[in-house]
Amino acid sequence: MTIRQGVPGTARAEFTWDGDAHHCEGLSVLASAGDTLAFGPEAVTASEPEGFCTQTPSRTMTRTDNGSMHVEMAAPDGTAPRAFTFTRAN
Protein backbone atom coordinates (compact mmCIF):
# COMPACT_ATOMS: atom_id res chain seq x y z
CA MET A 1 0.00 0.00 0.00
CA THR A 2 1.33 3.41 -0.97
CA ILE A 3 -0.46 6.61 0.07
CA ARG A 4 0.52 9.92 -1.48
CA GLN A 5 -0.26 13.37 -0.11
CA GLY A 6 -2.99 15.19 -2.01
CA VAL A 7 -6.45 16.67 -1.98
CA PRO A 8 -9.77 14.84 -1.80
CA GLY A 9 -11.06 13.80 -5.21
CA THR A 10 -7.71 12.62 -6.55
CA ALA A 11 -6.22 9.12 -6.74
CA ARG A 12 -3.99 8.96 -3.67
CA ALA A 13 -3.70 5.29 -2.73
CA GLU A 14 -2.12 2.43 -4.66
CA PHE A 15 -2.67 -1.14 -3.51
CA THR A 16 -0.90 -4.37 -4.42
CA TRP A 17 -1.85 -7.72 -2.98
CA ASP A 18 -0.66 -11.20 -3.79
CA GLY A 19 -1.75 -14.72 -2.93
CA ASP A 20 -0.54 -18.18 -3.81
CA ALA A 21 -2.17 -18.05 -7.25
CA HIS A 22 -3.12 -14.41 -7.82
CA HIS A 23 -1.78 -10.86 -8.14
CA CYS A 24 -3.94 -7.73 -7.86
CA GLU A 25 -3.29 -4.00 -8.14
CA GLY A 26 -5.61 -1.03 -7.73
CA LEU A 27 -5.99 2.72 -7.24
CA SER A 28 -8.36 4.52 -4.91
CA VAL A 29 -9.55 8.14 -4.75
CA LEU A 30 -9.27 10.06 -1.47
CA ALA A 31 -12.79 10.98 -0.32
CA SER A 32 -11.88 12.83 2.90
CA ALA A 33 -8.90 13.44 5.16
CA GLY A 34 -8.64 14.18 8.86
CA ASP A 35 -7.87 11.85 11.76
CA THR A 36 -9.15 9.14 9.43
CA LEU A 37 -8.49 8.86 5.71
CA ALA A 38 -11.53 7.73 3.71
CA PHE A 39 -11.15 6.32 0.20
CA GLY A 40 -13.86 5.71 -2.35
CA PRO A 41 -14.25 2.70 -4.62
CA GLU A 42 -11.05 1.11 -5.81
CA ALA A 43 -10.32 0.75 -9.51
CA VAL A 44 -8.64 -2.60 -10.24
CA THR A 45 -5.72 -1.89 -12.58
CA ALA A 46 -4.22 -5.41 -12.78
CA SER A 47 -5.68 -8.85 -12.13
CA GLU A 48 -3.90 -12.18 -12.55
CA PRO A 49 -5.69 -14.38 -13.33
CA GLU A 50 -7.90 -12.05 -15.31
CA GLY A 51 -11.16 -11.24 -13.52
CA PHE A 52 -9.99 -12.63 -10.16
CA CYS A 53 -9.59 -9.27 -8.38
CA THR A 54 -12.70 -7.36 -7.33
CA GLN A 55 -13.28 -3.71 -6.50
CA THR A 56 -13.33 -2.70 -2.83
CA PRO A 57 -16.31 -0.32 -2.40
CA SER A 58 -14.65 1.86 0.27
CA ARG A 59 -11.83 1.84 2.75
CA THR A 60 -10.95 3.87 5.87
CA MET A 61 -7.51 4.20 7.43
CA THR A 62 -6.75 5.40 10.95
CA ARG A 63 -3.31 5.74 12.52
CA THR A 64 -3.08 4.02 15.89
CA ASP A 65 -1.28 5.32 18.99
CA ASN A 66 1.69 3.02 18.35
CA GLY A 67 2.12 4.25 14.75
CA SER A 68 0.45 1.33 13.04
CA MET A 69 -2.35 1.79 10.50
CA HIS A 70 -5.80 0.30 11.10
CA VAL A 71 -7.60 -0.32 7.79
CA GLU A 72 -11.25 -1.23 7.42
CA MET A 73 -12.54 -2.27 4.00
CA ALA A 74 -16.16 -2.62 2.97
CA ALA A 75 -16.86 -6.06 1.53
CA PRO A 76 -17.87 -6.11 -2.16
CA ASP A 77 -20.87 -8.33 -1.36
CA GLY A 78 -22.18 -6.09 1.45
CA THR A 79 -21.24 -8.48 4.27
CA ALA A 80 -19.30 -7.37 7.35
CA PRO A 81 -16.26 -5.18 6.65
CA ARG A 82 -12.79 -6.67 6.77
CA ALA A 83 -10.29 -5.06 9.17
CA PHE A 84 -6.50 -5.23 9.30
CA THR A 85 -3.72 -3.49 11.21
CA PHE A 86 -0.46 -2.80 9.37
CA THR A 87 2.95 -1.86 10.72
CA ARG A 88 5.24 0.24 8.54
CA ALA A 89 8.12 -1.66 6.95
CA ASN A 90 11.52 -0.03 7.36
PDB file of N, CA and C in Angstrom:
ATOM      1  N   MET A   1       0.844  -1.151   0.000  1.00  0.00           N
ATOM      2  CA  MET A   1       0.000   0.000   0.000  1.00  0.00           C
ATOM      3  C   MET A   1       0.901   1.230   0.000  1.00  0.00           C
ATOM      4  N   THR A   2       0.619   2.146  -0.923  1.00  0.00           N
ATOM      5  CA  THR A   2       1.330   3.413  -0.974  1.00  0.00           C
ATOM      6  C   THR A   2       0.291   4.523  -0.955  1.00  0.00           C
ATOM      7  N   ILE A   3       0.455   5.467  -0.030  1.00  0.00           N
ATOM      8  CA  ILE A   3      -0.460   6.606   0.068  1.00  0.00           C
ATOM      9  C   ILE A   3       0.351   7.859  -0.208  1.00  0.00           C
ATOM     10  N   ARG A   4      -0.161   8.678  -1.127  1.00  0.00           N
ATOM     11  CA  ARG A   4       0.517   9.920  -1.480  1.00  0.00           C
ATOM     12  C   ARG A   4      -0.303  11.109  -0.995  1.00  0.00           C
ATOM     13  N   GLN A   5       0.409  12.156  -0.571  1.00  0.00           N
ATOM     14  CA  GLN A   5      -0.258  13.368  -0.108  1.00  0.00           C
ATOM     15  C   GLN A   5      -1.014  14.015  -1.266  1.00  0.00           C
ATOM     16  N   GLY A   6      -2.205  14.535  -0.975  1.00  0.00           N
ATOM     17  CA  GLY A   6      -2.987  15.186  -2.012  1.00  0.00           C
ATOM     18  C   GLY A   6      -4.338  15.615  -1.489  1.00  0.00           C
ATOM     19  N   VAL A   7      -5.140  16.139  -2.363  1.00  0.00           N
ATOM     20  CA  VAL A   7      -6.446  16.669  -1.981  1.00  0.00           C
ATOM     21  C   VAL A   7      -7.538  15.642  -2.268  1.00  0.00           C
ATOM     22  N   PRO A   8      -8.643  15.725  -1.504  1.00  0.00           N
ATOM     23  CA  PRO A   8      -9.769  14.836  -1.799  1.00  0.00           C
ATOM     24  C   PRO A   8     -10.213  14.962  -3.253  1.00  0.00           C
ATOM     25  N   GLY A   9     -10.608  13.835  -3.831  1.00  0.00           N
ATOM     26  CA  GLY A   9     -11.057  13.805  -5.211  1.00  0.00           C
ATOM     27  C   GLY A   9      -9.994  13.351  -6.188  1.00  0.00           C
ATOM     28  N   THR A  10      -8.786  13.084  -5.683  1.00  0.00           N
ATOM     29  CA  THR A  10      -7.707  12.616  -6.548  1.00  0.00           C
ATOM     30  C   THR A  10      -7.263  11.217  -6.109  1.00  0.00           C
ATOM     31  N   ALA A  11      -6.719  10.460  -7.051  1.00  0.00           N
ATOM     32  CA  ALA A  11      -6.220   9.119  -6.739  1.00  0.00           C
ATOM     33  C   ALA A  11      -4.986   9.256  -5.860  1.00  0.00           C
ATOM     34  N   ARG A  12      -5.074   8.790  -4.633  1.00  0.00           N
ATOM     35  CA  ARG A  12      -3.991   8.964  -3.667  1.00  0.00           C
ATOM     36  C   ARG A  12      -3.472   7.668  -3.101  1.00  0.00           C
ATOM     37  N   ALA A  13      -4.142   6.562  -3.312  1.00  0.00           N
ATOM     38  CA  ALA A  13      -3.699   5.292  -2.733  1.00  0.00           C
ATOM     39  C   ALA A  13      -3.516   4.255  -3.828  1.00  0.00           C
ATOM     40  N   GLU A  14      -2.407   3.538  -3.749  1.00  0.00           N
ATOM     41  CA  GLU A  14      -2.123   2.431  -4.656  1.00  0.00           C
ATOM     42  C   GLU A  14      -2.005   1.173  -3.811  1.00  0.00           C
ATOM     43  N   PHE A  15      -2.655   0.104  -4.259  1.00  0.00           N
ATOM     44  CA  PHE A  15      -2.669  -1.143  -3.512  1.00  0.00           C
ATOM     45  C   PHE A  15      -2.156  -2.278  -4.378  1.00  0.00           C
ATOM     46  N   THR A  16      -1.367  -3.144  -3.772  1.00  0.00           N
ATOM     47  CA  THR A  16      -0.900  -4.368  -4.421  1.00  0.00           C
ATOM     48  C   THR A  16      -1.094  -5.500  -3.422  1.00  0.00           C
ATOM     49  N   TRP A  17      -1.711  -6.566  -3.850  1.00  0.00           N
ATOM     50  CA  TRP A  17      -1.852  -7.724  -2.976  1.00  0.00           C
ATOM     51  C   TRP A  17      -1.654  -8.988  -3.791  1.00  0.00           C
ATOM     52  N   ASP A  18      -1.004  -9.945  -3.137  1.00  0.00           N
ATOM     53  CA  ASP A  18      -0.656 -11.202  -3.788  1.00  0.00           C
ATOM     54  C   ASP A  18      -1.084 -12.381  -2.930  1.00  0.00           C
ATOM     55  N   GLY A  19      -1.445 -13.451  -3.592  1.00  0.00           N
ATOM     56  CA  GLY A  19      -1.753 -14.716  -2.930  1.00  0.00           C
ATOM     57  C   GLY A  19      -0.991 -15.819  -3.614  1.00  0.00           C
ATOM     58  N   ASP A  20      -1.251 -17.037  -3.226  1.00  0.00           N
ATOM     59  CA  ASP A  20      -0.536 -18.179  -3.807  1.00  0.00           C
ATOM     60  C   ASP A  20      -0.708 -18.252  -5.321  1.00  0.00           C
ATOM     61  N   ALA A  21      -1.900 -17.903  -5.820  1.00  0.00           N
ATOM     62  CA  ALA A  21      -2.166 -18.055  -7.254  1.00  0.00           C
ATOM     63  C   ALA A  21      -2.781 -16.808  -7.870  1.00  0.00           C
ATOM     64  N   HIS A  22      -2.569 -15.632  -7.239  1.00  0.00           N
ATOM     65  CA  HIS A  22      -3.124 -14.411  -7.819  1.00  0.00           C
ATOM     66  C   HIS A  22      -2.259 -13.187  -7.513  1.00  0.00           C
ATOM     67  N   HIS A  23      -2.443 -12.157  -8.316  1.00  0.00           N
ATOM     68  CA  HIS A  23      -1.780 -10.862  -8.144  1.00  0.00           C
ATOM     69  C   HIS A  23      -2.800  -9.794  -8.505  1.00  0.00           C
ATOM     70  N   CYS A  24      -2.970  -8.807  -7.632  1.00  0.00           N
ATOM     71  CA  CYS A  24      -3.940  -7.735  -7.862  1.00  0.00           C
ATOM     72  C   CYS A  24      -3.296  -6.372  -7.588  1.00  0.00           C
ATOM     73  N   GLU A  25      -3.715  -5.373  -8.353  1.00  0.00           N
ATOM     74  CA  GLU A  25      -3.286  -3.996  -8.142  1.00  0.00           C
ATOM     75  C   GLU A  25      -4.495  -3.093  -8.317  1.00  0.00           C
ATOM     76  N   GLY A  26      -4.496  -1.961  -7.597  1.00  0.00           N
ATOM     77  CA  GLY A  26      -5.608  -1.031  -7.730  1.00  0.00           C
ATOM     78  C   GLY A  26      -5.255   0.360  -7.265  1.00  0.00           C
ATOM     79  N   LEU A  27      -6.101   1.320  -7.637  1.00  0.00           N
ATOM     80  CA  LEU A  27      -5.993   2.716  -7.238  1.00  0.00           C
ATOM     81  C   LEU A  27      -7.284   3.132  -6.561  1.00  0.00           C
ATOM     82  N   SER A  28      -7.172   4.040  -5.589  1.00  0.00           N
ATOM     83  CA  SER A  28      -8.360   4.515  -4.908  1.00  0.00           C
ATOM     84  C   SER A  28      -8.282   6.023  -4.741  1.00  0.00           C
ATOM     85  N   VAL A  29      -9.445   6.683  -4.855  1.00  0.00           N
ATOM     86  CA  VAL A  29      -9.545   8.139  -4.747  1.00  0.00           C
ATOM     87  C   VAL A  29      -9.798   8.524  -3.294  1.00  0.00           C
ATOM     88  N   LEU A  30      -9.083   9.534  -2.822  1.00  0.00           N
ATOM     89  CA  LEU A  30      -9.270  10.061  -1.475  1.00  0.00           C
ATOM     90  C   LEU A  30     -10.606  10.784  -1.401  1.00  0.00           C
ATOM     91  N   ALA A  31     -11.484  10.348  -0.496  1.00  0.00           N
ATOM     92  CA  ALA A  31     -12.792  10.983  -0.323  1.00  0.00           C
ATOM     93  C   ALA A  31     -12.739  12.071   0.741  1.00  0.00           C
ATOM     94  N   SER A  32     -12.027  11.826   1.850  1.00  0.00           N
ATOM     95  CA  SER A  32     -11.883  12.831   2.904  1.00  0.00           C
ATOM     96  C   SER A  32     -10.632  12.528   3.714  1.00  0.00           C
ATOM     97  N   ALA A  33     -10.113  13.578   4.353  1.00  0.00           N
ATOM     98  CA  ALA A  33      -8.903  13.445   5.160  1.00  0.00           C
ATOM     99  C   ALA A  33      -9.093  14.188   6.472  1.00  0.00           C
ATOM    100  N   GLY A  34      -8.584  13.620   7.518  1.00  0.00           N
ATOM    101  CA  GLY A  34      -8.635  14.176   8.862  1.00  0.00           C
ATOM    102  C   GLY A  34      -7.911  13.185   9.746  1.00  0.00           C
ATOM    103  N   ASP A  35      -8.451  12.897  10.929  1.00  0.00           N
ATOM    104  CA  ASP A  35      -7.868  11.850  11.764  1.00  0.00           C
ATOM    105  C   ASP A  35      -7.961  10.496  11.076  1.00  0.00           C
ATOM    106  N   THR A  36      -8.966  10.348  10.227  1.00  0.00           N
ATOM    107  CA  THR A  36      -9.154   9.136   9.429  1.00  0.00           C
ATOM    108  C   THR A  36      -9.132   9.499   7.953  1.00  0.00           C
ATOM    109  N   LEU A  37      -8.456   8.702   7.153  1.00  0.00           N
ATOM    110  CA  LEU A  37      -8.489   8.863   5.705  1.00  0.00           C
ATOM    111  C   LEU A  37      -9.599   7.973   5.170  1.00  0.00           C
ATOM    112  N   ALA A  38     -10.455   8.510   4.324  1.00  0.00           N
ATOM    113  CA  ALA A  38     -11.527   7.729   3.714  1.00  0.00           C
ATOM    114  C   ALA A  38     -11.307   7.709   2.209  1.00  0.00           C
ATOM    115  N   PHE A  39     -11.345   6.508   1.634  1.00  0.00           N
ATOM    116  CA  PHE A  39     -11.148   6.323   0.204  1.00  0.00           C
ATOM    117  C   PHE A  39     -12.406   5.750  -0.411  1.00  0.00           C
ATOM    118  N   GLY A  40     -12.713   6.201  -1.612  1.00  0.00           N
ATOM    119  CA  GLY A  40     -13.863   5.712  -2.347  1.00  0.00           C
ATOM    120  C   GLY A  40     -13.556   4.394  -3.026  1.00  0.00           C
ATOM    121  N   PRO A  41     -14.426   3.974  -3.939  1.00  0.00           N
ATOM    122  CA  PRO A  41     -14.251   2.696  -4.620  1.00  0.00           C
ATOM    123  C   PRO A  41     -12.886   2.583  -5.292  1.00  0.00           C
ATOM    124  N   GLU A  42     -12.355   1.393  -5.221  1.00  0.00           N
ATOM    125  CA  GLU A  42     -11.051   1.112  -5.810  1.00  0.00           C
ATOM    126  C   GLU A  42     -11.215   0.685  -7.260  1.00  0.00           C
ATOM    127  N   ALA A  43     -10.353   1.181  -8.118  1.00  0.00           N
ATOM    128  CA  ALA A  43     -10.318   0.745  -9.513  1.00  0.00           C
ATOM    129  C   ALA A  43      -9.240  -0.325  -9.635  1.00  0.00           C
ATOM    130  N   VAL A  44      -9.600  -1.520 -10.037  1.00  0.00           N
ATOM    131  CA  VAL A  44      -8.637  -2.596 -10.237  1.00  0.00           C
ATOM    132  C   VAL A  44      -7.871  -2.300 -11.524  1.00  0.00           C
ATOM    133  N   THR A  45      -6.546  -2.214 -11.423  1.00  0.00           N
ATOM    134  CA  THR A  45      -5.720  -1.894 -12.585  1.00  0.00           C
ATOM    135  C   THR A  45      -4.969  -3.106 -13.127  1.00  0.00           C
ATOM    136  N   ALA A  46      -4.871  -4.169 -12.327  1.00  0.00           N
ATOM    137  CA  ALA A  46      -4.223  -5.412 -12.779  1.00  0.00           C
ATOM    138  C   ALA A  46      -4.841  -6.580 -12.027  1.00  0.00           C
ATOM    139  N   SER A  47      -5.094  -7.667 -12.734  1.00  0.00           N
ATOM    140  CA  SER A  47      -5.680  -8.852 -12.131  1.00  0.00           C
ATOM    141  C   SER A  47      -5.126 -10.090 -12.818  1.00  0.00           C
ATOM    142  N   GLU A  48      -4.426 -10.911 -12.045  1.00  0.00           N
ATOM    143  CA  GLU A  48      -3.902 -12.179 -12.551  1.00  0.00           C
ATOM    144  C   GLU A  48      -4.338 -13.277 -11.594  1.00  0.00           C
ATOM    145  N   PRO A  49      -5.141 -14.240 -11.986  1.00  0.00           N
ATOM    146  CA  PRO A  49      -5.692 -14.382 -13.328  1.00  0.00           C
ATOM    147  C   PRO A  49      -6.733 -13.295 -13.613  1.00  0.00           C
ATOM    148  N   GLU A  50      -6.969 -13.073 -14.882  1.00  0.00           N
ATOM    149  CA  GLU A  50      -7.900 -12.051 -15.314  1.00  0.00           C
ATOM    150  C   GLU A  50      -9.267 -12.267 -14.673  1.00  0.00           C
ATOM    151  N   GLY A  51      -9.844 -11.189 -14.129  1.00  0.00           N
ATOM    152  CA  GLY A  51     -11.165 -11.238 -13.520  1.00  0.00           C
ATOM    153  C   GLY A  51     -11.186 -11.729 -12.081  1.00  0.00           C
ATOM    154  N   PHE A  52     -10.036 -12.120 -11.528  1.00  0.00           N
ATOM    155  CA  PHE A  52      -9.990 -12.635 -10.159  1.00  0.00           C
ATOM    156  C   PHE A  52     -10.202 -11.526  -9.134  1.00  0.00           C
ATOM    157  N   CYS A  53      -9.582 -10.370  -9.351  1.00  0.00           N
ATOM    158  CA  CYS A  53      -9.591  -9.274  -8.378  1.00  0.00           C
ATOM    159  C   CYS A  53     -10.891  -8.482  -8.493  1.00  0.00           C
ATOM    160  N   THR A  54     -11.453  -8.116  -7.347  1.00  0.00           N
ATOM    161  CA  THR A  54     -12.700  -7.358  -7.329  1.00  0.00           C
ATOM    162  C   THR A  54     -12.490  -6.002  -6.671  1.00  0.00           C
ATOM    163  N   GLN A  55     -13.333  -5.068  -7.028  1.00  0.00           N
ATOM    164  CA  GLN A  55     -13.281  -3.712  -6.499  1.00  0.00           C
ATOM    165  C   GLN A  55     -13.686  -3.702  -5.028  1.00  0.00           C
ATOM    166  N   THR A  56     -12.947  -2.955  -4.211  1.00  0.00           N
ATOM    167  CA  THR A  56     -13.331  -2.703  -2.828  1.00  0.00           C
ATOM    168  C   THR A  56     -14.173  -1.437  -2.827  1.00  0.00           C
ATOM    169  N   PRO A  57     -15.423  -1.491  -2.330  1.00  0.00           N
ATOM    170  CA  PRO A  57     -16.312  -0.320  -2.403  1.00  0.00           C
ATOM    171  C   PRO A  57     -15.783   0.906  -1.663  1.00  0.00           C
ATOM    172  N   SER A  58     -15.222   0.734  -0.485  1.00  0.00           N
ATOM    173  CA  SER A  58     -14.653   1.857   0.268  1.00  0.00           C
ATOM    174  C   SER A  58     -13.681   1.316   1.296  1.00  0.00           C
ATOM    175  N   ARG A  59     -12.864   2.231   1.806  1.00  0.00           N
ATOM    176  CA  ARG A  59     -11.829   1.836   2.755  1.00  0.00           C
ATOM    177  C   ARG A  59     -11.547   3.046   3.647  1.00  0.00           C
ATOM    178  N   THR A  60     -11.365   2.808   4.953  1.00  0.00           N
ATOM    179  CA  THR A  60     -10.945   3.871   5.869  1.00  0.00           C
ATOM    180  C   THR A  60      -9.636   3.461   6.518  1.00  0.00           C
ATOM    181  N   MET A  61      -8.807   4.449   6.816  1.00  0.00           N
ATOM    182  CA  MET A  61      -7.515   4.202   7.434  1.00  0.00           C
ATOM    183  C   MET A  61      -7.335   5.159   8.590  1.00  0.00           C
ATOM    184  N   THR A  62      -6.957   4.604   9.744  1.00  0.00           N
ATOM    185  CA  THR A  62      -6.747   5.401  10.945  1.00  0.00           C
ATOM    186  C   THR A  62      -5.416   5.015  11.563  1.00  0.00           C
ATOM    187  N   ARG A  63      -4.593   6.009  11.870  1.00  0.00           N
ATOM    188  CA  ARG A  63      -3.310   5.740  12.521  1.00  0.00           C
ATOM    189  C   ARG A  63      -3.559   5.442  13.995  1.00  0.00           C
ATOM    190  N   THR A  64      -2.911   4.398  14.494  1.00  0.00           N
ATOM    191  CA  THR A  64      -3.079   4.017  15.894  1.00  0.00           C
ATOM    192  C   THR A  64      -2.045   4.742  16.760  1.00  0.00           C
ATOM    193  N   ASP A  65      -2.201   4.652  18.067  1.00  0.00           N
ATOM    194  CA  ASP A  65      -1.284   5.323  18.994  1.00  0.00           C
ATOM    195  C   ASP A  65       0.150   4.822  18.882  1.00  0.00           C
ATOM    196  N   ASN A  66       0.332   3.565  18.455  1.00  0.00           N
ATOM    197  CA  ASN A  66       1.689   3.021  18.346  1.00  0.00           C
ATOM    198  C   ASN A  66       2.290   3.212  16.949  1.00  0.00           C
ATOM    199  N   GLY A  67       1.591   3.970  16.079  1.00  0.00           N
ATOM    200  CA  GLY A  67       2.122   4.255  14.753  1.00  0.00           C
ATOM    201  C   GLY A  67       1.711   3.272  13.681  1.00  0.00           C
ATOM    202  N   SER A  68       0.959   2.257  14.029  1.00  0.00           N
ATOM    203  CA  SER A  68       0.451   1.327  13.039  1.00  0.00           C
ATOM    204  C   SER A  68      -0.724   1.962  12.296  1.00  0.00           C
ATOM    205  N   MET A  69      -1.211   1.301  11.273  1.00  0.00           N
ATOM    206  CA  MET A  69      -2.351   1.794  10.505  1.00  0.00           C
ATOM    207  C   MET A  69      -3.464   0.748  10.561  1.00  0.00           C
ATOM    208  N   HIS A  70      -4.625   1.176  11.068  1.00  0.00           N
ATOM    209  CA  HIS A  70      -5.799   0.304  11.101  1.00  0.00           C
ATOM    210  C   HIS A  70      -6.600   0.592   9.834  1.00  0.00           C
ATOM    211  N   VAL A  71      -6.883  -0.456   9.066  1.00  0.00           N
ATOM    212  CA  VAL A  71      -7.597  -0.320   7.794  1.00  0.00           C
ATOM    213  C   VAL A  71      -8.876  -1.145   7.866  1.00  0.00           C
ATOM    214  N   GLU A  72      -9.982  -0.516   7.499  1.00  0.00           N
ATOM    215  CA  GLU A  72     -11.253  -1.228   7.420  1.00  0.00           C
ATOM    216  C   GLU A  72     -11.772  -1.097   5.994  1.00  0.00           C
ATOM    217  N   MET A  73     -12.091  -2.247   5.384  1.00  0.00           N
ATOM    218  CA  MET A  73     -12.543  -2.267   3.996  1.00  0.00           C
ATOM    219  C   MET A  73     -13.957  -2.820   3.928  1.00  0.00           C
ATOM    220  N   ALA A  74     -14.815  -2.117   3.201  1.00  0.00           N
ATOM    221  CA  ALA A  74     -16.164  -2.620   2.966  1.00  0.00           C
ATOM    222  C   ALA A  74     -16.061  -3.840   2.064  1.00  0.00           C
ATOM    223  N   ALA A  75     -16.869  -4.845   2.344  1.00  0.00           N
ATOM    224  CA  ALA A  75     -16.864  -6.056   1.530  1.00  0.00           C
ATOM    225  C   ALA A  75     -17.658  -5.827   0.245  1.00  0.00           C
ATOM    226  N   PRO A  76     -17.162  -6.308  -0.890  1.00  0.00           N
ATOM    227  CA  PRO A  76     -17.873  -6.112  -2.156  1.00  0.00           C
ATOM    228  C   PRO A  76     -19.295  -6.666  -2.159  1.00  0.00           C
ATOM    229  N   ASP A  77     -19.544  -7.701  -1.362  1.00  0.00           N
ATOM    230  CA  ASP A  77     -20.869  -8.325  -1.357  1.00  0.00           C
ATOM    231  C   ASP A  77     -21.784  -7.776  -0.266  1.00  0.00           C
ATOM    232  N   GLY A  78     -21.349  -6.715   0.436  1.00  0.00           N
ATOM    233  CA  GLY A  78     -22.182  -6.093   1.448  1.00  0.00           C
ATOM    234  C   GLY A  78     -22.162  -6.779   2.803  1.00  0.00           C
ATOM    235  N   THR A  79     -21.351  -7.812   2.977  1.00  0.00           N
ATOM    236  CA  THR A  79     -21.238  -8.479   4.269  1.00  0.00           C
ATOM    237  C   THR A  79     -20.392  -7.616   5.207  1.00  0.00           C
ATOM    238  N   ALA A  80     -20.069  -8.117   6.363  1.00  0.00           N
ATOM    239  CA  ALA A  80     -19.299  -7.367   7.351  1.00  0.00           C
ATOM    240  C   ALA A  80     -17.974  -6.892   6.777  1.00  0.00           C
ATOM    241  N   PRO A  81     -17.542  -5.686   7.149  1.00  0.00           N
ATOM    242  CA  PRO A  81     -16.259  -5.178   6.654  1.00  0.00           C
ATOM    243  C   PRO A  81     -15.091  -6.035   7.146  1.00  0.00           C
ATOM    244  N   ARG A  82     -14.027  -5.994   6.383  1.00  0.00           N
ATOM    245  CA  ARG A  82     -12.791  -6.667   6.772  1.00  0.00           C
ATOM    246  C   ARG A  82     -11.876  -5.636   7.405  1.00  0.00           C
ATOM    247  N   ALA A  83     -11.170  -5.998   8.478  1.00  0.00           N
ATOM    248  CA  ALA A  83     -10.291  -5.062   9.171  1.00  0.00           C
ATOM    249  C   ALA A  83      -8.906  -5.673   9.343  1.00  0.00           C
ATOM    250  N   PHE A  84      -7.889  -4.818   9.184  1.00  0.00           N
ATOM    251  CA  PHE A  84      -6.499  -5.230   9.303  1.00  0.00           C
ATOM    252  C   PHE A  84      -5.734  -4.124  10.011  1.00  0.00           C
ATOM    253  N   THR A  85      -4.634  -4.489  10.654  1.00  0.00           N
ATOM    254  CA  THR A  85      -3.719  -3.492  11.206  1.00  0.00           C
ATOM    255  C   THR A  85      -2.358  -3.750  10.598  1.00  0.00           C
ATOM    256  N   PHE A  86      -1.762  -2.696  10.041  1.00  0.00           N
ATOM    257  CA  PHE A  86      -0.464  -2.795   9.371  1.00  0.00           C
ATOM    258  C   PHE A  86       0.578  -2.027  10.150  1.00  0.00           C
ATOM    259  N   THR A  87       1.806  -2.539  10.131  1.00  0.00           N
ATOM    260  CA  THR A  87       2.949  -1.856  10.717  1.00  0.00           C
ATOM    261  C   THR A  87       3.872  -1.472   9.581  1.00  0.00           C
ATOM    262  N   ARG A  88       4.385  -0.273   9.617  1.00  0.00           N
ATOM    263  CA  ARG A  88       5.237   0.239   8.543  1.00  0.00           C
ATOM    264  C   ARG A  88       6.527  -0.583   8.440  1.00  0.00           C
ATOM    265  N   ALA A  89       6.868  -0.936   7.212  1.00  0.00           N
ATOM    266  CA  ALA A  89       8.122  -1.657   6.952  1.00  0.00           C
ATOM    267  C   ALA A  89       9.254  -0.636   6.851  1.00  0.00           C
ATOM    268  N   ASN A  90      10.381  -0.958   7.423  1.00  0.00           N
ATOM    269  CA  ASN A  90      11.518  -0.034   7.355  1.00  0.00           C
ATOM    270  C   ASN A  90      12.380  -0.306   6.153  1.00  0.00           C
TER     271      ASN A  90
END
